[in-house]
Amino acid sequence: MVGYVESITDPSYNGQILTQTYPLVGNYGVCPEHFESDGPKIRGYVIRELCTEPSHWASKKTLDEWLEESGVPGIYGVDTRMLTKKLRVHGVMLGVLHVYPAGEKPSTEEILEEVKQIPDPNKTDLAKEVSTKKIIRHKTNGKYKVVLIDCGVKRNILRSLLKRNLDVIQVPIDTPIETILSEKPDGVLISNGPGDPKMVPYLTRNVEQLLETEIPIFGICLGCQILALAFGGDTYKLKFGHRGQNHPVIDLKTKKCYITSQNHGYAVNPESLPEEVETTFLNVNDKTVEGIRHKKLPVFAVQFHPEASPGPEDTSFFFDEFLRLIKDFRRE
C-alpha cells in the first residue's frame, strides 16, 4: 500500500482521526520526500496491521517511530473495513484514542464519557491552523506570477505550479485583499484545506472582491467550496466525505470519465449556484458536484485533487488550463 505518508501529512486531514482500509500499512517506512507538509497533520491513526520492519532505500524510520516522536497516537489490530462500513452507515463520528500505560486496563465507561466532551473540530477555523504564517516567495524567474492562498496547501500543488515555470507567492489564508492585489498577480490559486468552508468567511469576502478584478482564479478542493460561496452559492456537509485515490468523476461536456484523488467532507449545492456559474464535473458514485466554472469570468474550480500525490494524474491538465487563462488574461 502506498500513499499513507502523503495522507498523514495532508493538511486537509487536520483535526481528524484517519482510518486506513488497506490491511497492511508501514511497509516502506517513512520517506520525507513523500511529505505533503512539514509533518503529520492528523490527530490519530487507525490501521489493521502495522509493518514494523519496512523495506525502502529512502526510508528514515518506521511508521510507529515517526508517529510517536510527532505526538500522534495510533492503534492497530482494528478491523478497519468493518469500521468503515459503520462510518458509511452512521456518517463521520467524533472519536478518541486513549493511550494507557502497559498493564493498565482500559475503562470503557471513562472513554465513552470522554467522547461526549469532545468539541467538534469542524466548528473551528482548522484551515488557519495549517496555513502559512508568513508570505513565502518561490522563484522560477518565469514570466507569470501567481498568488497562492494557502488554506493548508499540499506541496504537490506548489510543485505543479513551479513545474510550469510560474513564480508563486504563497500567502496566509487571512491575507488582506489589498496585500494580494499589491503583488499584481497574473492569477490566483485557492488551495485545499480542512474543515467547513463557512468557518473562513473572511476568505470568502476577499474572494468576492477578487472576482471583481477579473483575474484568473483556480480553486482546488476547499478552494472550490470557497468560490461557490463567493458566487453566492451554498455548501453542505457530506455524510462521510470522499477520501482516497479512486473516485470517478465525469466531465459533463465531453462525457469523459476521470479517476481522481479526493479528500473532503463538504460539497457544493448545485441548486444554489447562480445562472452565470455552471457545474462542469459530477461524482459518478453519488452525483455530487466535482467542478464549477464561471461562464464569463476566467474562474474555475475542481473538488478533487488534480495534483494527486497520492493518486492518479489523470487531471493534471487543469494546471495547464490555469496557465492558458493567465496567458489570455495578459493577452499573450
C-alpha atoms as a PDB file:
ATOM      1  CA  MET A   1       0.000   0.000   0.000  1.00  0.00           C
ATOM      2  CA  VAL A   2       1.358   3.416  -0.958  1.00  0.00           C
ATOM      3  CA  GLY A   3       0.272   6.911  -0.017  1.00  0.00           C
ATOM      4  CA  TYR A   4      -0.005   6.687   3.763  1.00  0.00           C
ATOM      5  CA  VAL A   5       2.826   9.170   4.347  1.00  0.00           C
ATOM      6  CA  GLU A   6       1.194  11.663   1.961  1.00  0.00           C
ATOM      7  CA  SER A   7      -2.192  11.189   3.655  1.00  0.00           C
ATOM      8  CA  ILE A   8      -0.813  11.588   7.171  1.00  0.00           C
ATOM      9  CA  THR A   9       0.919  14.849   6.192  1.00  0.00           C
ATOM     10  CA  ASP A  10      -2.007  16.211   4.152  1.00  0.00           C
ATOM     11  CA  PRO A  11      -3.182  19.427   5.904  1.00  0.00           C
ATOM     12  CA  SER A  12      -6.749  18.672   4.798  1.00  0.00           C
ATOM     13  CA  TYR A  13      -6.792  15.953   7.496  1.00  0.00           C
ATOM     14  CA  ASN A  14      -6.058  18.462  10.253  1.00  0.00           C
ATOM     15  CA  GLY A  15      -8.217  17.741  13.297  1.00  0.00           C
ATOM     16  CA  GLN A  16      -9.215  14.237  12.187  1.00  0.00           C
ATOM     17  CA  ILE A  17      -8.566  10.627  13.153  1.00  0.00           C
ATOM     18  CA  LEU A  18      -7.590   8.845   9.958  1.00  0.00           C
ATOM     19  CA  THR A  19      -8.633   5.237   9.321  1.00  0.00           C
ATOM     20  CA  GLN A  20      -7.000   3.226   6.517  1.00  0.00           C
ATOM     21  CA  THR A  21      -8.880   0.293   4.974  1.00  0.00           C
ATOM     22  CA  TYR A  22      -5.813  -1.270   3.352  1.00  0.00           C
ATOM     23  CA  PRO A  23      -4.843  -4.218   5.612  1.00  0.00           C
ATOM     24  CA  LEU A  24      -1.063  -3.573   5.863  1.00  0.00           C
ATOM     25  CA  VAL A  25       0.427  -0.133   6.498  1.00  0.00           C
ATOM     26  CA  GLY A  26       4.034   0.923   7.097  1.00  0.00           C
ATOM     27  CA  ASN A  27       5.609  -1.451   4.580  1.00  0.00           C
ATOM     28  CA  TYR A  28       8.030   1.150   3.152  1.00  0.00           C
ATOM     29  CA  GLY A  29       8.581   3.141   6.316  1.00  0.00           C
ATOM     30  CA  VAL A  30       8.713   6.930   6.265  1.00  0.00           C
ATOM     31  CA  CYS A  31      10.284   8.787   3.347  1.00  0.00           C
ATOM     32  CA  PRO A  32      10.486  12.595   3.866  1.00  0.00           C
ATOM     33  CA  GLU A  33      10.302  13.252   0.123  1.00  0.00           C
ATOM     34  CA  HIS A  34       6.723  11.984   0.258  1.00  0.00           C
ATOM     35  CA  PHE A  35       5.630  14.636   2.772  1.00  0.00           C
ATOM     36  CA  GLU A  36       2.813  16.965   1.688  1.00  0.00           C
ATOM     37  CA  SER A  37       3.581  19.378   4.557  1.00  0.00           C
ATOM     38  CA  ASP A  38       6.160  19.727   7.318  1.00  0.00           C
ATOM     39  CA  GLY A  39       4.848  16.731   9.294  1.00  0.00           C
ATOM     40  CA  PRO A  40       1.772  14.766  10.438  1.00  0.00           C
ATOM     41  CA  LYS A  41      -1.451  16.770  10.485  1.00  0.00           C
ATOM     42  CA  ILE A  42      -3.825  14.053  11.720  1.00  0.00           C
ATOM     43  CA  ARG A  43      -4.938  13.792  15.358  1.00  0.00           C
ATOM     44  CA  GLY A  44      -4.944   9.977  15.416  1.00  0.00           C
ATOM     45  CA  TYR A  45      -4.321   6.920  13.227  1.00  0.00           C
ATOM     46  CA  VAL A  46      -6.217   3.608  12.982  1.00  0.00           C
ATOM     47  CA  ILE A  47      -4.988   0.625  10.927  1.00  0.00           C
ATOM     48  CA  ARG A  48      -5.431  -3.137  10.656  1.00  0.00           C
ATOM     49  CA  GLU A  49      -1.829  -4.355  10.584  1.00  0.00           C
ATOM     50  CA  LEU A  50       1.412  -2.484  11.266  1.00  0.00           C
ATOM     51  CA  CYS A  51       4.641  -3.358   9.455  1.00  0.00           C
ATOM     52  CA  THR A  52       7.497  -2.991  11.950  1.00  0.00           C
ATOM     53  CA  GLU A  53      10.294  -3.897   9.511  1.00  0.00           C
ATOM     54  CA  PRO A  54       9.838  -1.668   6.455  1.00  0.00           C
ATOM     55  CA  SER A  55      11.879  -2.030   3.291  1.00  0.00           C
ATOM     56  CA  HIS A  56      12.701   1.024   1.162  1.00  0.00           C
ATOM     57  CA  TRP A  57      16.012   2.599   0.244  1.00  0.00           C
ATOM     58  CA  ALA A  58      14.802   6.101   1.190  1.00  0.00           C
ATOM     59  CA  SER A  59      13.114   5.144   4.472  1.00  0.00           C
ATOM     60  CA  LYS A  60      14.366   7.087   7.501  1.00  0.00           C
ATOM     61  CA  LYS A  61      12.315   5.416  10.255  1.00  0.00           C
ATOM     62  CA  THR A  62       9.353   3.184  10.914  1.00  0.00           C
ATOM     63  CA  LEU A  63       5.796   4.487  10.865  1.00  0.00           C
ATOM     64  CA  ASP A  64       5.471   3.775  14.597  1.00  0.00           C
ATOM     65  CA  GLU A  65       8.647   5.723  15.438  1.00  0.00           C
ATOM     66  CA  TRP A  66       7.532   8.671  13.325  1.00  0.00           C
ATOM     67  CA  LEU A  67       4.070   8.947  14.856  1.00  0.00           C
ATOM     68  CA  GLU A  68       5.428   8.567  18.398  1.00  0.00           C
ATOM     69  CA  GLU A  69       8.014  11.335  18.026  1.00  0.00           C
ATOM     70  CA  SER A  70       5.320  13.514  16.390  1.00  0.00           C
ATOM     71  CA  GLY A  71       2.935  13.017  19.310  1.00  0.00           C
ATOM     72  CA  VAL A  72       0.248  11.344  17.192  1.00  0.00           C
ATOM     73  CA  PRO A  73      -1.492   8.368  18.882  1.00  0.00           C
ATOM     74  CA  GLY A  74      -2.197   5.325  16.750  1.00  0.00           C
ATOM     75  CA  ILE A  75      -3.787   1.925  17.124  1.00  0.00           C
ATOM     76  CA  TYR A  76      -3.509  -1.276  15.088  1.00  0.00           C
ATOM     77  CA  GLY A  77      -5.279  -4.622  15.245  1.00  0.00           C
ATOM     78  CA  VAL A  78      -8.594  -2.968  14.350  1.00  0.00           C
ATOM     79  CA  ASP A  79     -10.936  -4.384  11.695  1.00  0.00           C
ATOM     80  CA  THR A  80     -10.825  -1.119   9.745  1.00  0.00           C
ATOM     81  CA  ARG A  81     -13.039  -2.363   6.924  1.00  0.00           C
ATOM     82  CA  MET A  82     -15.819  -3.128   9.386  1.00  0.00           C
ATOM     83  CA  LEU A  83     -15.218   0.288  10.970  1.00  0.00           C
ATOM     84  CA  THR A  84     -15.504   1.874   7.520  1.00  0.00           C
ATOM     85  CA  LYS A  85     -18.825   0.137   6.954  1.00  0.00           C
ATOM     86  CA  LYS A  86     -20.113   1.639  10.211  1.00  0.00           C
ATOM     87  CA  LEU A  87     -18.955   5.087   9.123  1.00  0.00           C
ATOM     88  CA  ARG A  88     -20.776   4.671   5.816  1.00  0.00           C
ATOM     89  CA  VAL A  89     -23.998   3.849   7.669  1.00  0.00           C
ATOM     90  CA  HIS A  90     -23.791   6.334  10.547  1.00  0.00           C
ATOM     91  CA  GLY A  91     -21.586   9.005   8.955  1.00  0.00           C
ATOM     92  CA  VAL A  92     -18.436  10.636  10.311  1.00  0.00           C
ATOM     93  CA  MET A  93     -18.358  10.492  14.114  1.00  0.00           C
ATOM     94  CA  LEU A  94     -16.333  12.102  16.861  1.00  0.00           C
ATOM     95  CA  GLY A  95     -13.850   9.725  18.458  1.00  0.00           C
ATOM     96  CA  VAL A  96     -10.968   9.425  20.892  1.00  0.00           C
ATOM     97  CA  LEU A  97      -7.763   7.397  21.040  1.00  0.00           C
ATOM     98  CA  HIS A  98      -6.715   6.910  24.647  1.00  0.00           C
ATOM     99  CA  VAL A  99      -3.192   5.684  25.395  1.00  0.00           C
ATOM    100  CA  TYR A 100      -2.868   3.565  28.538  1.00  0.00           C
ATOM    101  CA  PRO A 101       0.388   2.546  30.279  1.00  0.00           C
ATOM    102  CA  ALA A 102       1.416  -1.099  29.953  1.00  0.00           C
ATOM    103  CA  GLY A 103      -0.569  -3.283  32.331  1.00  0.00           C
ATOM    104  CA  GLU A 104      -3.340  -0.751  32.932  1.00  0.00           C
ATOM    105  CA  LYS A 105      -6.790  -1.980  31.924  1.00  0.00           C
ATOM    106  CA  PRO A 106      -8.793   0.403  29.718  1.00  0.00           C
ATOM    107  CA  SER A 107     -12.048   1.753  31.135  1.00  0.00           C
ATOM    108  CA  THR A 108     -14.802   1.680  28.536  1.00  0.00           C
ATOM    109  CA  GLU A 109     -17.023   3.867  30.708  1.00  0.00           C
ATOM    110  CA  GLU A 110     -14.372   6.568  31.046  1.00  0.00           C
ATOM    111  CA  ILE A 111     -13.691   6.572  27.313  1.00  0.00           C
ATOM    112  CA  LEU A 112     -17.386   6.831  26.423  1.00  0.00           C
ATOM    113  CA  GLU A 113     -17.758   9.729  28.834  1.00  0.00           C
ATOM    114  CA  GLU A 114     -14.690  11.423  27.350  1.00  0.00           C
ATOM    115  CA  VAL A 115     -16.114  11.118  23.838  1.00  0.00           C
ATOM    116  CA  LYS A 116     -19.186  13.093  24.926  1.00  0.00           C
ATOM    117  CA  GLN A 117     -16.934  16.022  25.856  1.00  0.00           C
ATOM    118  CA  ILE A 118     -15.048  16.220  22.548  1.00  0.00           C
ATOM    119  CA  PRO A 119     -15.558  19.545  20.752  1.00  0.00           C
ATOM    120  CA  ASP A 120     -16.474  19.278  17.080  1.00  0.00           C
ATOM    121  CA  PRO A 121     -13.309  20.259  15.138  1.00  0.00           C
ATOM    122  CA  ASN A 122     -15.462  21.468  12.234  1.00  0.00           C
ATOM    123  CA  LYS A 123     -16.759  24.289  14.430  1.00  0.00           C
ATOM    124  CA  THR A 124     -13.291  25.851  14.471  1.00  0.00           C
ATOM    125  CA  ASP A 125     -11.091  27.505  11.854  1.00  0.00           C
ATOM    126  CA  LEU A 126      -8.988  24.442  11.033  1.00  0.00           C
ATOM    127  CA  ALA A 127      -7.637  25.958   7.825  1.00  0.00           C
ATOM    128  CA  LYS A 128      -5.996  28.874   9.610  1.00  0.00           C
ATOM    129  CA  GLU A 129      -4.176  26.400  11.884  1.00  0.00           C
ATOM    130  CA  VAL A 130      -2.331  24.848   8.927  1.00  0.00           C
ATOM    131  CA  SER A 131      -1.946  27.907   6.698  1.00  0.00           C
ATOM    132  CA  THR A 132       1.464  29.537   6.385  1.00  0.00           C
ATOM    133  CA  LYS A 133       2.014  32.290   8.926  1.00  0.00           C
ATOM    134  CA  LYS A 134       4.087  34.467   6.597  1.00  0.00           C
ATOM    135  CA  ILE A 135       4.411  35.278   2.928  1.00  0.00           C
ATOM    136  CA  ILE A 136       6.771  32.887   1.121  1.00  0.00           C
ATOM    137  CA  ARG A 137       8.134  33.619  -2.338  1.00  0.00           C
ATOM    138  CA  HIS A 138       9.007  30.770  -4.713  1.00  0.00           C
ATOM    139  CA  LYS A 139      11.031  31.996  -7.678  1.00  0.00           C
ATOM    140  CA  THR A 140      11.396  30.317 -11.064  1.00  0.00           C
ATOM    141  CA  ASN A 141      12.253  33.555 -12.921  1.00  0.00           C
ATOM    142  CA  GLY A 142       9.197  32.807 -15.019  1.00  0.00           C
ATOM    143  CA  LYS A 143       7.114  35.231 -16.997  1.00  0.00           C
ATOM    144  CA  TYR A 144       3.988  34.988 -14.839  1.00  0.00           C
ATOM    145  CA  LYS A 145       3.268  35.388 -11.153  1.00  0.00           C
ATOM    146  CA  VAL A 146       0.615  33.536  -9.146  1.00  0.00           C
ATOM    147  CA  VAL A 147      -0.625  34.271  -5.640  1.00  0.00           C
ATOM    148  CA  LEU A 148      -1.309  31.017  -3.820  1.00  0.00           C
ATOM    149  CA  ILE A 149      -3.807  31.494  -0.993  1.00  0.00           C
ATOM    150  CA  ASP A 150      -2.659  28.831   1.457  1.00  0.00           C
ATOM    151  CA  CYS A 151      -5.602  27.198   3.241  1.00  0.00           C
ATOM    152  CA  GLY A 152      -3.455  24.170   4.060  1.00  0.00           C
ATOM    153  CA  VAL A 153      -1.866  23.625   0.674  1.00  0.00           C
ATOM    154  CA  LYS A 154      -0.328  20.309  -0.328  1.00  0.00           C
ATOM    155  CA  ARG A 155       3.246  20.566  -1.523  1.00  0.00           C
ATOM    156  CA  ASN A 156       2.413  18.897  -4.806  1.00  0.00           C
ATOM    157  CA  ILE A 157       0.118  21.790  -5.735  1.00  0.00           C
ATOM    158  CA  LEU A 158       3.083  24.104  -5.279  1.00  0.00           C
ATOM    159  CA  ARG A 159       5.300  21.723  -7.270  1.00  0.00           C
ATOM    160  CA  SER A 160       2.718  21.644 -10.089  1.00  0.00           C
ATOM    161  CA  LEU A 161       2.783  25.434 -10.372  1.00  0.00           C
ATOM    162  CA  LEU A 162       6.588  25.693 -10.230  1.00  0.00           C
ATOM    163  CA  LYS A 163       6.888  22.924 -12.811  1.00  0.00           C
ATOM    164  CA  ARG A 164       5.058  25.228 -15.222  1.00  0.00           C
ATOM    165  CA  ASN A 165       7.614  27.983 -14.635  1.00  0.00           C
ATOM    166  CA  LEU A 166       5.247  30.132 -12.576  1.00  0.00           C
ATOM    167  CA  ASP A 167       6.588  32.374  -9.819  1.00  0.00           C
ATOM    168  CA  VAL A 168       4.485  31.699  -6.717  1.00  0.00           C
ATOM    169  CA  ILE A 169       3.744  33.999  -3.785  1.00  0.00           C
ATOM    170  CA  GLN A 170       2.337  31.798  -1.027  1.00  0.00           C
ATOM    171  CA  VAL A 171       0.243  33.891   1.361  1.00  0.00           C
ATOM    172  CA  PRO A 172      -1.603  33.222   4.647  1.00  0.00           C
ATOM    173  CA  ILE A 173      -5.304  32.462   4.391  1.00  0.00           C
ATOM    174  CA  ASP A 174      -6.243  35.740   6.090  1.00  0.00           C
ATOM    175  CA  THR A 175      -4.049  37.990   3.935  1.00  0.00           C
ATOM    176  CA  PRO A 176      -5.876  41.286   3.238  1.00  0.00           C
ATOM    177  CA  ILE A 177      -7.139  41.759  -0.309  1.00  0.00           C
ATOM    178  CA  GLU A 178      -5.032  44.921  -0.609  1.00  0.00           C
ATOM    179  CA  THR A 179      -1.857  42.907   0.024  1.00  0.00           C
ATOM    180  CA  ILE A 180      -2.825  40.287  -2.559  1.00  0.00           C
ATOM    181  CA  LEU A 181      -3.556  42.880  -5.234  1.00  0.00           C
ATOM    182  CA  SER A 182      -0.366  44.808  -4.424  1.00  0.00           C
ATOM    183  CA  GLU A 183       1.564  41.804  -5.760  1.00  0.00           C
ATOM    184  CA  LYS A 184      -0.024  42.410  -9.178  1.00  0.00           C
ATOM    185  CA  PRO A 185      -0.669  38.691  -9.716  1.00  0.00           C
ATOM    186  CA  ASP A 186      -1.377  37.185 -13.128  1.00  0.00           C
ATOM    187  CA  GLY A 187      -3.507  34.554 -11.429  1.00  0.00           C
ATOM    188  CA  VAL A 188      -4.709  33.392  -8.032  1.00  0.00           C
ATOM    189  CA  LEU A 189      -4.966  29.806  -6.785  1.00  0.00           C
ATOM    190  CA  ILE A 190      -7.107  28.996  -3.725  1.00  0.00           C
ATOM    191  CA  SER A 191      -5.782  25.781  -2.217  1.00  0.00           C
ATOM    192  CA  ASN A 192      -7.189  22.756  -0.481  1.00  0.00           C
ATOM    193  CA  GLY A 193      -7.628  22.790   3.269  1.00  0.00           C
ATOM    194  CA  PRO A 194      -9.505  21.254   6.199  1.00  0.00           C
ATOM    195  CA  GLY A 195     -12.879  21.885   7.745  1.00  0.00           C
ATOM    196  CA  ASP A 196     -16.097  23.709   6.974  1.00  0.00           C
ATOM    197  CA  PRO A 197     -15.691  26.444   4.310  1.00  0.00           C
ATOM    198  CA  LYS A 198     -18.181  28.574   6.238  1.00  0.00           C
ATOM    199  CA  MET A 199     -15.654  28.823   9.080  1.00  0.00           C
ATOM    200  CA  VAL A 200     -13.494  31.153   6.963  1.00  0.00           C
ATOM    201  CA  PRO A 201     -15.917  33.960   5.989  1.00  0.00           C
ATOM    202  CA  TYR A 202     -13.033  36.442   5.785  1.00  0.00           C
ATOM    203  CA  LEU A 203     -11.594  34.456   2.868  1.00  0.00           C
ATOM    204  CA  THR A 204     -14.957  34.330   1.088  1.00  0.00           C
ATOM    205  CA  ARG A 205     -15.227  38.127   1.365  1.00  0.00           C
ATOM    206  CA  ASN A 206     -11.718  38.519  -0.098  1.00  0.00           C
ATOM    207  CA  VAL A 207     -12.560  36.201  -2.996  1.00  0.00           C
ATOM    208  CA  GLU A 208     -15.732  38.185  -3.710  1.00  0.00           C
ATOM    209  CA  GLN A 209     -13.517  41.227  -4.224  1.00  0.00           C
ATOM    210  CA  LEU A 210     -11.032  39.221  -6.312  1.00  0.00           C
ATOM    211  CA  LEU A 211     -13.851  38.242  -8.674  1.00  0.00           C
ATOM    212  CA  GLU A 212     -14.425  41.916  -9.434  1.00  0.00           C
ATOM    213  CA  THR A 213     -10.858  42.236 -10.784  1.00  0.00           C
ATOM    214  CA  GLU A 214     -11.413  39.505 -13.427  1.00  0.00           C
ATOM    215  CA  ILE A 215      -8.014  37.997 -12.574  1.00  0.00           C
ATOM    216  CA  PRO A 216      -7.892  34.245 -13.435  1.00  0.00           C
ATOM    217  CA  ILE A 217      -8.731  32.154 -10.361  1.00  0.00           C
ATOM    218  CA  PHE A 218      -8.297  28.409  -9.864  1.00  0.00           C
ATOM    219  CA  GLY A 219      -9.812  26.696  -6.814  1.00  0.00           C
ATOM    220  CA  ILE A 220      -8.933  23.219  -5.573  1.00  0.00           C
ATOM    221  CA  CYS A 221     -10.998  21.254  -3.010  1.00  0.00           C
ATOM    222  CA  LEU A 222     -11.734  23.783  -0.213  1.00  0.00           C
ATOM    223  CA  GLY A 223     -10.946  26.426  -2.828  1.00  0.00           C
ATOM    224  CA  CYS A 224     -13.844  25.114  -4.913  1.00  0.00           C
ATOM    225  CA  GLN A 225     -16.240  25.481  -1.982  1.00  0.00           C
ATOM    226  CA  ILE A 226     -14.963  28.983  -1.187  1.00  0.00           C
ATOM    227  CA  LEU A 227     -15.549  30.074  -4.784  1.00  0.00           C
ATOM    228  CA  ALA A 228     -19.074  28.643  -4.683  1.00  0.00           C
ATOM    229  CA  LEU A 229     -19.796  30.703  -1.553  1.00  0.00           C
ATOM    230  CA  ALA A 230     -18.247  33.804  -3.122  1.00  0.00           C
ATOM    231  CA  PHE A 231     -20.520  33.317  -6.154  1.00  0.00           C
ATOM    232  CA  GLY A 232     -23.496  33.416  -3.778  1.00  0.00           C
ATOM    233  CA  GLY A 233     -23.975  29.655  -3.629  1.00  0.00           C
ATOM    234  CA  ASP A 234     -24.107  27.285  -0.673  1.00  0.00           C
ATOM    235  CA  THR A 235     -22.222  24.265   0.694  1.00  0.00           C
ATOM    236  CA  TYR A 236     -23.239  21.356   2.902  1.00  0.00           C
ATOM    237  CA  LYS A 237     -21.608  18.577   4.920  1.00  0.00           C
ATOM    238  CA  LEU A 238     -21.396  15.128   3.350  1.00  0.00           C
ATOM    239  CA  LYS A 239     -22.365  12.102   5.403  1.00  0.00           C
ATOM    240  CA  PHE A 240     -18.904  10.542   5.307  1.00  0.00           C
ATOM    241  CA  GLY A 241     -16.988  12.561   2.753  1.00  0.00           C
ATOM    242  CA  HIS A 242     -14.862  11.481  -0.181  1.00  0.00           C
ATOM    243  CA  ARG A 243     -11.469  10.055   0.739  1.00  0.00           C
ATOM    244  CA  GLY A 244      -8.999   8.076  -1.328  1.00  0.00           C
ATOM    245  CA  GLN A 245      -7.353   7.690  -4.708  1.00  0.00           C
ATOM    246  CA  ASN A 246     -10.027   6.125  -6.920  1.00  0.00           C
ATOM    247  CA  HIS A 247     -13.066   8.401  -7.190  1.00  0.00           C
ATOM    248  CA  PRO A 248     -14.574   8.529 -10.704  1.00  0.00           C
ATOM    249  CA  VAL A 249     -15.796  11.905 -11.962  1.00  0.00           C
ATOM    250  CA  ILE A 250     -17.466  12.706 -15.283  1.00  0.00           C
ATOM    251  CA  ASP A 251     -16.900  15.762 -17.452  1.00  0.00           C
ATOM    252  CA  LEU A 252     -20.427  16.929 -18.270  1.00  0.00           C
ATOM    253  CA  LYS A 253     -19.288  18.486 -21.562  1.00  0.00           C
ATOM    254  CA  THR A 254     -17.152  15.709 -23.060  1.00  0.00           C
ATOM    255  CA  LYS A 255     -18.720  12.813 -21.108  1.00  0.00           C
ATOM    256  CA  LYS A 256     -15.200  11.572 -20.352  1.00  0.00           C
ATOM    257  CA  CYS A 257     -14.632   9.847 -17.013  1.00  0.00           C
ATOM    258  CA  TYR A 258     -11.518  10.510 -14.915  1.00  0.00           C
ATOM    259  CA  ILE A 259     -10.232   8.688 -11.837  1.00  0.00           C
ATOM    260  CA  THR A 260      -9.311  11.202  -9.158  1.00  0.00           C
ATOM    261  CA  SER A 261      -7.763  11.557  -5.715  1.00  0.00           C
ATOM    262  CA  GLN A 262     -10.113  13.184  -3.191  1.00  0.00           C
ATOM    263  CA  ASN A 263     -10.186  14.318   0.434  1.00  0.00           C
ATOM    264  CA  HIS A 264     -13.119  16.475   1.504  1.00  0.00           C
ATOM    265  CA  GLY A 265     -16.086  16.371   3.851  1.00  0.00           C
ATOM    266  CA  TYR A 266     -18.153  19.198   2.329  1.00  0.00           C
ATOM    267  CA  ALA A 267     -19.699  19.741  -1.094  1.00  0.00           C
ATOM    268  CA  VAL A 268     -21.295  22.460  -3.238  1.00  0.00           C
ATOM    269  CA  ASN A 269     -25.079  22.600  -3.548  1.00  0.00           C
ATOM    270  CA  PRO A 270     -25.630  22.841  -7.342  1.00  0.00           C
ATOM    271  CA  GLU A 271     -29.135  24.290  -6.971  1.00  0.00           C
ATOM    272  CA  SER A 272     -27.717  27.253  -5.053  1.00  0.00           C
ATOM    273  CA  LEU A 273     -25.358  28.385  -7.819  1.00  0.00           C
ATOM    274  CA  PRO A 274     -26.329  31.480  -9.810  1.00  0.00           C
ATOM    275  CA  GLU A 275     -27.134  31.219 -13.517  1.00  0.00           C
ATOM    276  CA  GLU A 276     -23.712  32.517 -14.597  1.00  0.00           C
ATOM    277  CA  VAL A 277     -21.947  29.592 -12.858  1.00  0.00           C
ATOM    278  CA  GLU A 278     -22.122  26.109 -14.357  1.00  0.00           C
ATOM    279  CA  THR A 279     -21.381  22.678 -12.936  1.00  0.00           C
ATOM    280  CA  THR A 280     -18.634  21.061 -15.013  1.00  0.00           C
ATOM    281  CA  PHE A 281     -17.993  17.733 -13.252  1.00  0.00           C
ATOM    282  CA  LEU A 282     -20.089  15.301 -11.222  1.00  0.00           C
ATOM    283  CA  ASN A 283     -19.072  12.413  -8.985  1.00  0.00           C
ATOM    284  CA  VAL A 284     -20.119   9.169 -10.685  1.00  0.00           C
ATOM    285  CA  ASN A 285     -20.870   7.455  -7.365  1.00  0.00           C
ATOM    286  CA  ASP A 286     -23.164   9.963  -5.648  1.00  0.00           C
ATOM    287  CA  LYS A 287     -23.694  12.701  -8.285  1.00  0.00           C
ATOM    288  CA  THR A 288     -22.228  15.449  -6.072  1.00  0.00           C
ATOM    289  CA  VAL A 289     -20.577  18.493  -7.655  1.00  0.00           C
ATOM    290  CA  GLU A 290     -16.917  17.958  -8.583  1.00  0.00           C
ATOM    291  CA  GLY A 291     -16.261  21.069 -10.647  1.00  0.00           C
ATOM    292  CA  ILE A 292     -17.636  24.543 -11.367  1.00  0.00           C
ATOM    293  CA  ARG A 293     -16.843  27.315 -13.834  1.00  0.00           C
ATOM    294  CA  HIS A 294     -17.983  30.900 -14.346  1.00  0.00           C
ATOM    295  CA  LYS A 295     -19.477  31.379 -17.802  1.00  0.00           C
ATOM    296  CA  LYS A 296     -17.911  34.815 -18.365  1.00  0.00           C
ATOM    297  CA  LEU A 297     -15.017  35.239 -15.933  1.00  0.00           C
ATOM    298  CA  PRO A 298     -11.719  33.253 -16.163  1.00  0.00           C
ATOM    299  CA  VAL A 299     -12.596  31.411 -12.954  1.00  0.00           C
ATOM    300  CA  PHE A 300     -12.956  27.669 -12.393  1.00  0.00           C
ATOM    301  CA  ALA A 301     -12.543  25.098  -9.646  1.00  0.00           C
ATOM    302  CA  VAL A 302     -12.472  21.368  -9.017  1.00  0.00           C
ATOM    303  CA  GLN A 303     -13.418  19.478  -5.883  1.00  0.00           C
ATOM    304  CA  PHE A 304     -10.862  16.724  -6.476  1.00  0.00           C
ATOM    305  CA  HIS A 305      -7.048  16.934  -6.434  1.00  0.00           C
ATOM    306  CA  PRO A 306      -5.551  17.328  -9.928  1.00  0.00           C
ATOM    307  CA  GLU A 307      -2.063  17.348  -8.373  1.00  0.00           C
ATOM    308  CA  ALA A 308      -2.740  13.829  -6.996  1.00  0.00           C
ATOM    309  CA  SER A 309       0.046  12.683  -4.630  1.00  0.00           C
ATOM    310  CA  PRO A 310      -1.045  10.127  -3.840  1.00  0.00           C
ATOM    311  CA  GLY A 311      -3.266   9.019  -6.678  1.00  0.00           C
ATOM    312  CA  PRO A 312      -3.743   9.119 -10.453  1.00  0.00           C
ATOM    313  CA  GLU A 313      -2.550  12.049 -12.550  1.00  0.00           C
ATOM    314  CA  ASP A 314      -5.485  11.944 -15.000  1.00  0.00           C
ATOM    315  CA  THR A 315      -6.467  15.556 -14.352  1.00  0.00           C
ATOM    316  CA  SER A 316      -3.105  17.323 -14.018  1.00  0.00           C
ATOM    317  CA  PHE A 317      -4.026  19.180 -17.229  1.00  0.00           C
ATOM    318  CA  PHE A 318      -6.057  21.622 -15.119  1.00  0.00           C
ATOM    319  CA  PHE A 319      -2.810  23.381 -14.203  1.00  0.00           C
ATOM    320  CA  ASP A 320      -2.182  23.828 -17.937  1.00  0.00           C
ATOM    321  CA  GLU A 321      -5.707  25.227 -18.277  1.00  0.00           C
ATOM    322  CA  PHE A 322      -4.939  27.698 -15.482  1.00  0.00           C
ATOM    323  CA  LEU A 323      -1.767  28.779 -17.309  1.00  0.00           C
ATOM    324  CA  ARG A 324      -3.748  29.218 -20.535  1.00  0.00           C
ATOM    325  CA  LEU A 325      -6.228  31.522 -18.754  1.00  0.00           C
ATOM    326  CA  ILE A 326      -3.308  33.538 -17.376  1.00  0.00           C
ATOM    327  CA  LYS A 327      -1.847  33.986 -20.859  1.00  0.00           C
ATOM    328  CA  ASP A 328      -5.232  35.017 -22.233  1.00  0.00           C
ATOM    329  CA  PHE A 329      -5.642  37.471 -19.359  1.00  0.00           C
ATOM    330  CA  ARG A 330      -2.313  39.067 -20.292  1.00  0.00           C
ATOM    331  CA  ARG A 331      -3.258  38.892 -23.993  1.00  0.00           C
ATOM    332  CA  GLU A 332      -0.188  36.821 -24.832  1.00  0.00           C
END
